[in-house]
């Protein structure tokens, strides 16, 4: 455990280049706009020079090669739908391992989870939710079909009519919204269930490494 946990940048587009280069975004003038500067050495650059096969599977818009640069990677799999489930990302990882992994190799996987939007299953939501039964939740089909803010507004109206107090909460680009205690618990549950989905996908990736005989001689780093 670490007592201090400090991101080098407030955005994904800046944080990922910092992770890949071990440099400071501002002090080292790491970015050209929101993109890693051309020819900036990365961990992939160093490992490829040492004989490693370097692979990347990316599932977040601002971690794509257009931003992270993907400098030093032999294979970059950054094609995905706008919102990709963690299990789908794990499937892409399995394909890359099957087609491209030759020891020694370095594999960088960037899951979207637990980043919004929170595309959680009703089962995961129910496992994480302690708000009681009976009232509508984000995973009810008619609400799940809506974007987060419209669904939030509808839930807030429902629980406010049931007598719950309204709470002001900043959501979505700093926009102030009114929610109730139950809606706030549900928002927290969406995040928790999204973490659960990411955790499950991480397990699938580790299992795939083991199935292919890589795990016993692989260093796994979770960031």
Protein backbone atom coordinates (compact mmCIF):
# COMPACT_ATOMS: atom_id res chain seq x y z
CA UNK A 1 0.00 0.00 0.00
CA UNK A 2 1.15 3.55 -0.76
CA UNK A 3 0.25 6.54 1.41
CA UNK A 4 0.53 8.89 -1.60
CA UNK A 5 -1.04 8.20 -4.99
CA UNK A 6 -0.57 11.07 -7.44
CA UNK A 7 -1.56 11.10 -11.10
CA UNK A 8 0.89 12.95 -13.31
CA UNK A 9 -1.96 14.44 -15.34
CA UNK A 10 -5.67 15.04 -14.91
CA UNK A 11 -6.55 13.38 -18.23
CA UNK A 12 -6.04 9.94 -19.75
CA UNK A 13 -4.34 11.46 -22.79
CA UNK A 14 -1.60 12.90 -20.57
CA UNK A 15 -1.39 10.16 -17.96
CA UNK A 16 -0.77 7.26 -20.35
CA UNK A 17 2.34 8.82 -21.99
CA UNK A 18 3.68 9.48 -18.49
CA UNK A 19 3.19 5.81 -17.54
CA UNK A 20 4.78 4.55 -20.76
CA UNK A 21 7.82 6.86 -20.53
CA UNK A 22 8.26 7.28 -16.76
CA UNK A 23 8.53 11.03 -17.34
CA UNK A 24 6.67 14.06 -16.03
CA UNK A 25 4.10 15.54 -18.38
CA UNK A 26 4.95 19.20 -17.70
CA UNK A 27 8.53 19.21 -16.42
CA UNK A 28 9.75 16.96 -19.25
CA UNK A 29 7.57 18.63 -21.92
CA UNK A 30 6.23 15.20 -22.76
CA UNK A 31 3.28 16.13 -24.98
CA UNK A 32 2.70 17.84 -28.28
CA UNK A 33 -0.82 19.08 -27.59
CA UNK A 34 -2.49 15.94 -26.21
CA UNK A 35 -0.19 13.52 -28.04
CA UNK A 36 3.10 11.97 -26.98
CA UNK A 37 5.95 13.73 -28.77
CA UNK A 38 7.34 11.82 -31.76
CA UNK A 39 10.44 9.72 -31.11
CA UNK A 40 9.96 9.87 -27.31
CA UNK A 41 11.38 6.60 -25.90
CA UNK A 42 8.85 4.38 -24.11
CA UNK A 43 9.08 1.14 -22.14
CA UNK A 44 8.15 -0.61 -25.38
CA UNK A 45 11.07 1.04 -27.18
CA UNK A 46 13.51 -0.19 -24.56
CA UNK A 47 12.14 -3.72 -24.43
CA UNK A 48 11.93 -4.09 -28.21
CA UNK A 49 15.59 -3.10 -28.43
CA UNK A 50 16.28 -5.87 -25.92
CA UNK A 51 14.57 -8.44 -28.15
CA UNK A 52 11.02 -8.41 -26.79
CA UNK A 53 7.93 -8.69 -28.97
CA UNK A 54 5.89 -5.63 -27.97
CA UNK A 55 2.06 -5.75 -28.06
CA UNK A 56 -0.69 -3.32 -27.10
CA UNK A 57 -4.45 -3.87 -26.71
CA UNK A 58 -6.28 -0.61 -26.02
CA UNK A 59 -9.94 0.03 -25.15
CA UNK A 60 -10.06 3.73 -24.30
CA UNK A 61 -10.36 6.60 -26.77
CA UNK A 62 -7.61 8.72 -25.21
CA UNK A 63 -5.18 5.80 -24.89
CA UNK A 64 -5.35 5.11 -28.63
CA UNK A 65 -2.19 5.48 -30.70
CA UNK A 66 -3.36 8.89 -31.91
CA UNK A 67 -2.71 10.10 -28.34
CA UNK A 68 -0.34 7.63 -26.66
CA UNK A 69 1.82 7.41 -29.79
CA UNK A 70 2.29 3.64 -29.46
CA UNK A 71 6.01 4.26 -29.93
CA UNK A 72 7.98 1.02 -29.83
CA UNK A 73 5.05 -1.39 -30.24
CA UNK A 74 5.20 -4.09 -32.90
CA UNK A 75 1.44 -4.71 -32.72
CA UNK A 76 -1.19 -2.17 -31.66
CA UNK A 77 -4.79 -3.34 -31.42
CA UNK A 78 -6.71 -0.12 -30.79
CA UNK A 79 -9.83 -0.70 -32.89
CA UNK A 80 -12.93 -1.07 -30.76
CA UNK A 81 -16.54 0.15 -30.58
CA UNK A 82 -17.20 3.41 -28.80
CA UNK A 83 -18.14 1.54 -25.63
CA UNK A 84 -16.46 -1.84 -25.26
CA UNK A 85 -17.21 -4.27 -22.46
CA UNK A 86 -14.31 -5.56 -20.39
CA UNK A 87 -15.04 -9.12 -21.50
CA UNK A 88 -14.79 -8.06 -25.16
CA UNK A 89 -11.39 -6.45 -24.47
CA UNK A 90 -10.25 -9.69 -22.82
CA UNK A 91 -11.28 -11.56 -25.99
CA UNK A 92 -9.13 -9.22 -28.10
CA UNK A 93 -6.22 -9.83 -25.73
CA UNK A 94 -6.63 -13.58 -26.16
CA UNK A 95 -6.50 -13.24 -29.96
CA UNK A 96 -3.37 -11.11 -29.83
CA UNK A 97 -1.70 -13.62 -27.52
CA UNK A 98 -2.65 -16.45 -29.88
CA UNK A 99 -1.45 -14.69 -33.03
CA UNK A 100 1.46 -12.53 -31.92
CA UNK A 101 2.95 -13.51 -28.55
CA UNK A 102 6.41 -15.01 -28.85
CA UNK A 103 8.68 -15.14 -25.83
CA UNK A 104 9.95 -12.85 -24.62
CA UNK A 105 7.10 -10.38 -25.05
CA UNK A 106 5.74 -7.22 -23.45
CA UNK A 107 1.95 -6.80 -23.51
CA UNK A 108 0.23 -3.55 -22.51
CA UNK A 109 -3.54 -3.85 -21.99
CA UNK A 110 -5.63 -0.75 -21.35
CA UNK A 111 -9.17 -1.58 -20.21
CA UNK A 112 -11.79 1.18 -20.25
CA UNK A 113 -13.30 0.01 -16.96
CA UNK A 114 -13.94 1.53 -14.45
CA UNK A 115 -14.21 4.61 -16.67
CA UNK A 116 -17.68 5.81 -17.65
CA UNK A 117 -19.99 5.04 -19.37
CA UNK A 118 -20.95 2.34 -16.90
CA UNK A 119 -22.28 -0.48 -19.06
CA UNK A 120 -22.95 -2.90 -16.21
CA UNK A 121 -25.09 -6.01 -16.19
CA UNK A 122 -28.15 -6.29 -13.98
CA UNK A 123 -26.50 -9.23 -12.22
CA UNK A 124 -23.34 -7.29 -11.32
CA UNK A 125 -25.42 -4.32 -10.20
CA UNK A 126 -27.58 -6.49 -7.93
CA UNK A 127 -24.51 -8.08 -6.34
CA UNK A 128 -23.06 -4.67 -5.44
CA UNK A 129 -26.25 -2.76 -4.55
CA UNK A 130 -27.36 -2.39 -0.94
CA UNK A 131 -30.21 0.06 -1.61
CA UNK A 132 -33.04 -2.38 -1.02
CA UNK A 133 -35.57 -3.83 -3.43
CA UNK A 134 -38.65 -2.45 -5.08
CA UNK A 135 -37.60 0.90 -6.51
CA UNK A 136 -36.34 1.55 -10.06
CA UNK A 137 -32.60 1.37 -10.74
CA UNK A 138 -30.25 2.29 -13.57
CA UNK A 139 -30.32 -1.27 -14.91
CA UNK A 140 -34.09 -1.38 -15.43
CA UNK A 141 -34.42 -1.86 -19.23
CA UNK A 142 -36.19 1.45 -19.95
CA UNK A 143 -33.59 3.37 -17.91
CA UNK A 144 -30.59 1.40 -19.16
CA UNK A 145 -31.55 2.45 -22.69
CA UNK A 146 -31.04 6.11 -21.71
CA UNK A 147 -27.80 8.03 -21.37
CA UNK A 148 -26.57 8.51 -17.81
CA UNK A 149 -27.85 12.06 -17.27
CA UNK A 150 -31.42 11.47 -18.53
CA UNK A 151 -31.62 8.26 -16.50
CA UNK A 152 -30.36 10.14 -13.44
CA UNK A 153 -32.98 12.87 -13.88
CA UNK A 154 -35.77 10.31 -14.14
CA UNK A 155 -34.61 8.40 -11.06
CA UNK A 156 -34.20 11.62 -9.08
CA UNK A 157 -37.77 12.67 -9.89
CA UNK A 158 -39.08 9.27 -8.81
CA UNK A 159 -37.31 9.21 -5.45
CA UNK A 160 -37.98 12.89 -4.76
CA UNK A 161 -41.70 12.22 -5.22
CA UNK A 162 -41.29 9.38 -2.72
CA UNK A 163 -40.09 11.92 -0.15
CA UNK A 164 -36.29 11.76 -0.42
CA UNK A 165 -34.32 15.03 -0.09
CA UNK A 166 -32.54 16.42 -3.12
CA UNK A 167 -28.73 16.65 -3.15
CA UNK A 168 -26.71 18.74 -5.58
CA UNK A 169 -24.02 16.78 -7.41
CA UNK A 170 -21.61 17.72 -10.19
CA UNK A 171 -21.93 15.28 -13.08
CA UNK A 172 -20.75 15.30 -16.65
CA UNK A 173 -18.38 18.18 -17.50
CA UNK A 174 -19.06 19.98 -14.25
CA UNK A 175 -22.83 20.28 -14.76
CA UNK A 176 -24.70 20.54 -11.46
CA UNK A 177 -27.49 17.97 -11.10
CA UNK A 178 -29.96 17.15 -8.37
CA UNK A 179 -30.04 13.58 -7.05
CA UNK A 180 -31.39 11.86 -3.94
CA UNK A 181 -29.56 9.58 -1.45
CA UNK A 182 -30.86 6.48 -3.24
CA UNK A 183 -29.76 7.76 -6.64
CA UNK A 184 -26.33 8.60 -5.22
CA UNK A 185 -26.00 5.03 -3.89
CA UNK A 186 -26.96 3.73 -7.31
CA UNK A 187 -24.33 5.89 -9.00
CA UNK A 188 -21.73 4.50 -6.62
CA UNK A 189 -22.98 0.99 -7.41
CA UNK A 190 -22.60 1.60 -11.15
CA UNK A 191 -18.94 2.41 -10.52
CA UNK A 192 -18.44 -0.59 -8.21
CA UNK A 193 -20.07 -2.95 -10.71
CA UNK A 194 -17.87 -1.51 -13.46
CA UNK A 195 -14.81 -2.23 -11.31
CA UNK A 196 -16.11 -5.77 -10.86
CA UNK A 197 -16.37 -6.18 -14.64
CA UNK A 198 -12.80 -4.94 -15.07
CA UNK A 199 -11.60 -7.28 -12.34
CA UNK A 200 -13.30 -10.23 -14.04
CA UNK A 201 -11.64 -9.34 -17.36
CA UNK A 202 -8.26 -9.09 -15.64
CA UNK A 203 -8.84 -12.62 -14.34
CA UNK A 204 -9.65 -13.86 -17.85
CA UNK A 205 -6.42 -12.35 -19.17
CA UNK A 206 -4.37 -14.00 -16.41
CA UNK A 207 -6.11 -17.32 -17.12
CA UNK A 208 -5.26 -16.97 -20.83
CA UNK A 209 -1.60 -16.38 -19.96
CA UNK A 210 -1.67 -19.51 -17.82
CA UNK A 211 -3.46 -21.56 -20.48
CA UNK A 212 -0.76 -20.70 -23.00
CA UNK A 213 2.04 -21.53 -20.58
CA UNK A 214 3.24 -17.93 -20.15
CA UNK A 215 2.13 -17.07 -16.62
CA UNK A 216 4.82 -18.84 -14.60
CA UNK A 217 7.51 -16.76 -16.33
CA UNK A 218 5.58 -13.51 -16.70
CA UNK A 219 5.71 -10.42 -14.51
CA UNK A 220 2.16 -8.99 -14.21
CA UNK A 221 1.87 -5.30 -13.30
CA UNK A 222 -1.54 -3.78 -12.51
CA UNK A 223 -1.74 0.02 -12.70
